[in-house]
Protein backbone atom coordinates (compact mmCIF):
# COMPACT_ATOMS: atom_id res chain seq x y z
CA MET A 1 -39.52 5.91 37.94
CA ASN A 2 -37.48 2.97 37.22
CA ASP A 3 -34.46 2.85 35.68
CA HIS A 4 -35.60 -0.72 33.37
CA PRO A 5 -35.76 0.37 29.55
CA GLY A 6 -39.25 -1.70 30.33
CA ILE A 7 -40.66 0.62 32.09
CA ILE A 8 -41.10 3.57 30.77
CA SER A 9 -43.94 4.04 32.88
CA THR A 10 -46.37 1.79 35.14
CA LYS A 11 -49.05 2.38 32.90
CA PHE A 12 -47.55 2.00 29.71
CA HIS A 13 -44.87 -0.64 30.56
CA LEU A 14 -43.58 -3.75 27.94
CA GLY A 15 -45.71 -6.33 29.91
CA LEU A 16 -48.94 -4.22 29.51
CA LEU A 17 -47.95 -3.81 25.77
CA ILE A 18 -47.63 -8.10 24.96
CA HIS A 19 -50.84 -8.22 26.73
CA LEU A 20 -52.00 -5.56 24.51
CA ALA A 21 -50.61 -6.73 20.88
CA ASN A 22 -51.31 -9.52 21.92
CA GLN A 23 -55.59 -9.55 22.85
CA PHE A 24 -55.11 -7.75 19.17
CA LYS A 25 -53.94 -10.14 17.06
CA ASP A 26 -56.50 -12.75 18.93
CA GLN A 27 -59.23 -10.19 17.71
CA LEU A 28 -57.85 -10.11 13.88
CA ILE A 29 -58.02 -14.32 14.49
CA SER A 30 -61.39 -13.98 15.11
CA HIS A 31 -62.42 -11.79 12.89
CA TYR A 32 -60.86 -13.22 10.47
CA PHE A 33 -62.20 -16.87 10.77
CA ALA A 34 -66.08 -15.85 12.45
CA GLY A 35 -67.36 -17.30 9.57
CA ALA A 36 -65.53 -20.95 9.63
CA ASP A 37 -67.06 -19.93 14.17
CA ILE A 38 -63.61 -20.70 14.79
CA THR A 39 -61.82 -18.25 17.91
CA ALA A 40 -58.46 -17.83 18.50
CA PRO A 41 -57.57 -19.79 21.09
CA GLN A 42 -59.87 -22.62 19.38
CA PHE A 43 -57.45 -21.76 16.04
CA LYS A 44 -54.23 -22.25 18.38
CA VAL A 45 -55.45 -25.54 19.26
CA LEU A 46 -56.04 -26.91 15.37
CA ILE A 47 -52.60 -24.83 14.35
CA SER A 48 -50.57 -26.70 17.43
CA ILE A 49 -52.21 -29.89 16.07
CA HIS A 50 -51.26 -29.65 12.51
CA LYS A 51 -47.00 -28.18 13.83
CA GLY A 52 -46.73 -31.44 15.52
CA PHE A 53 -48.11 -31.94 18.45
CA THR A 54 -50.23 -34.11 18.59
CA SER A 55 -51.38 -34.80 22.81
CA PRO A 56 -53.60 -32.84 24.87
CA VAL A 57 -51.57 -32.88 27.84
CA GLU A 58 -48.51 -31.13 24.79
CA ILE A 59 -51.22 -28.49 23.82
CA SER A 60 -51.77 -27.39 26.67
CA LYS A 61 -48.64 -26.86 27.37
CA ASN A 62 -47.39 -24.85 24.12
CA LEU A 63 -50.20 -22.40 24.63
CA VAL A 64 -50.13 -22.23 28.98
CA MET A 65 -53.71 -23.47 28.65
CA ASP A 66 -55.01 -24.89 32.06
CA ALA A 67 -56.07 -28.22 31.53
CA GLY A 68 -59.62 -28.52 31.49
CA ALA A 69 -59.73 -25.74 29.60
CA MET A 70 -58.02 -28.09 27.35
CA SER A 71 -60.54 -31.32 28.37
CA ARG A 72 -62.89 -29.16 27.39
CA MET A 73 -62.23 -27.31 23.91
CA VAL A 74 -61.09 -30.53 22.28
CA ASP A 75 -64.08 -32.32 23.65
CA ARG A 76 -66.58 -29.25 21.71
CA MET A 77 -63.72 -29.22 19.19
CA VAL A 78 -64.80 -33.50 18.43
CA LYS A 79 -68.31 -32.18 18.27
CA ARG A 80 -67.96 -29.42 15.36
CA GLU A 81 -64.99 -32.64 13.45
CA LEU A 82 -63.07 -30.34 13.70
CA ILE A 83 -60.15 -32.94 15.93
CA ALA A 84 -60.08 -36.30 15.55
CA ARG A 85 -59.28 -37.81 18.79
CA THR A 86 -58.02 -41.22 19.39
CA PRO A 87 -57.02 -44.26 22.05
CA ASN A 88 -53.12 -44.11 22.74
CA PRO A 89 -52.31 -47.68 21.40
CA GLN A 90 -48.83 -46.98 23.73
CA ASP A 91 -50.97 -45.46 27.17
CA LYS A 92 -54.64 -45.77 26.89
CA ARG A 93 -55.26 -43.69 29.40
CA GLN A 94 -54.06 -40.72 26.82
CA VAL A 95 -55.19 -39.61 23.54
CA ILE A 96 -54.24 -38.61 20.54
CA LEU A 97 -55.07 -35.52 18.70
CA ALA A 98 -55.68 -35.34 14.95
CA LEU A 99 -56.92 -33.10 12.32
CA THR A 100 -59.86 -33.37 10.56
CA ASP A 101 -60.75 -32.55 6.48
CA LYS A 102 -62.66 -30.18 8.16
CA GLY A 103 -59.80 -28.91 10.25
CA HIS A 104 -56.84 -28.67 8.05
CA ALA A 105 -58.67 -27.01 5.26
CA LEU A 106 -58.26 -24.13 7.95
CA CYS A 107 -55.09 -24.72 8.80
CA ASP A 108 -53.91 -24.63 5.10
CA ARG A 109 -56.50 -21.37 4.85
CA PHE A 110 -54.52 -20.21 7.16
CA GLU A 111 -51.14 -21.13 5.98
CA LYS A 112 -52.24 -19.49 2.69
CA GLU A 113 -54.08 -16.61 3.00
CA ALA A 114 -54.86 -15.23 6.45
CA LEU A 115 -51.52 -15.35 8.02
CA THR A 116 -50.52 -12.47 5.23
CA SER A 117 -53.90 -10.64 5.91
CA ILE A 118 -53.85 -12.02 9.58
CA ILE A 119 -50.24 -10.29 9.93
CA GLY A 120 -50.87 -7.48 8.19
CA ASP A 121 -52.94 -5.68 10.17
CA LEU A 122 -51.13 -6.27 13.29
CA THR A 123 -48.05 -4.54 11.84
CA ALA A 124 -49.66 -1.90 9.74
CA ARG A 125 -48.71 1.20 11.42
CA LEU A 126 -44.58 -0.58 11.04
CA THR A 127 -42.67 -0.49 8.23
CA HIS A 128 -41.08 -3.09 6.74
CA ASP A 129 -37.63 -2.90 8.75
CA GLU A 130 -39.98 -2.48 11.90
CA SER A 131 -41.41 -5.45 11.79
CA ARG A 132 -38.02 -7.65 10.64
CA LEU A 133 -36.45 -5.52 13.64
CA LEU A 134 -39.82 -6.50 16.19
CA VAL A 135 -39.69 -10.32 15.18
CA GLU A 136 -36.10 -10.39 15.87
CA LEU A 137 -35.90 -8.54 18.94
CA ILE A 138 -39.22 -10.84 20.58
CA THR A 139 -37.59 -13.90 19.27
CA LYS A 140 -33.25 -12.47 21.24
CA MET A 141 -35.81 -11.81 24.31
CA LEU A 142 -38.29 -15.59 24.30
CA PRO A 143 -35.77 -18.15 26.23
CA ASP A 144 -34.28 -20.82 23.47
CA GLU A 145 -36.83 -23.72 25.05
CA ILE A 146 -39.90 -21.78 24.21
CA VAL A 147 -38.74 -20.48 20.78
CA ALA A 148 -37.74 -24.24 19.62
CA PRO A 149 -41.34 -25.93 19.06
CA HIS A 150 -41.53 -23.44 16.47
CA ARG A 151 -38.30 -23.56 14.65
C-alpha cells in the first residue's frame, strides 16, 4: 500500500473519485437539460462562450476537448441555432462563436435556477461546511492557470 494521502487503495484513489464526481455532475446536467435536448458537453460549450471564450480553439483548450470533436459539436450547435459562427475579421481562417437568443436563454436559466439545483444534488450528502471545505481543497489542488479563467 502506498503512503500517499490520495491513494487509500488501488481501487479507490483520488483520481477515480474525481472522475466519478465529474461523471455524476455531467449526468445531473444532462438530466436537468434533457427537456431542452442539450447534453452536458454541449452545455459546457455554451457556458464557455457565455464566459467570454469565443474561438473553438480557446473552448477546446478550456474544456480539454479534441479539436475535431469541438468542430463537429460546433456544427451541430449552429444547426440547432444555439450558437452562431462568424468569420474572424482579423484572421479569415478563424471563426468567432457567439450565443444566439436560444443559447443565451439556456445560460440565463442555468445561472438563475439550474446551478443551484445541480450543485444541490451533487452535494446533497454533504453539510454546508463540508461543501465549502471541498471547494477550498479542490481550488487549492488545481494549478492557478486552470482556475484563473473561471474567477
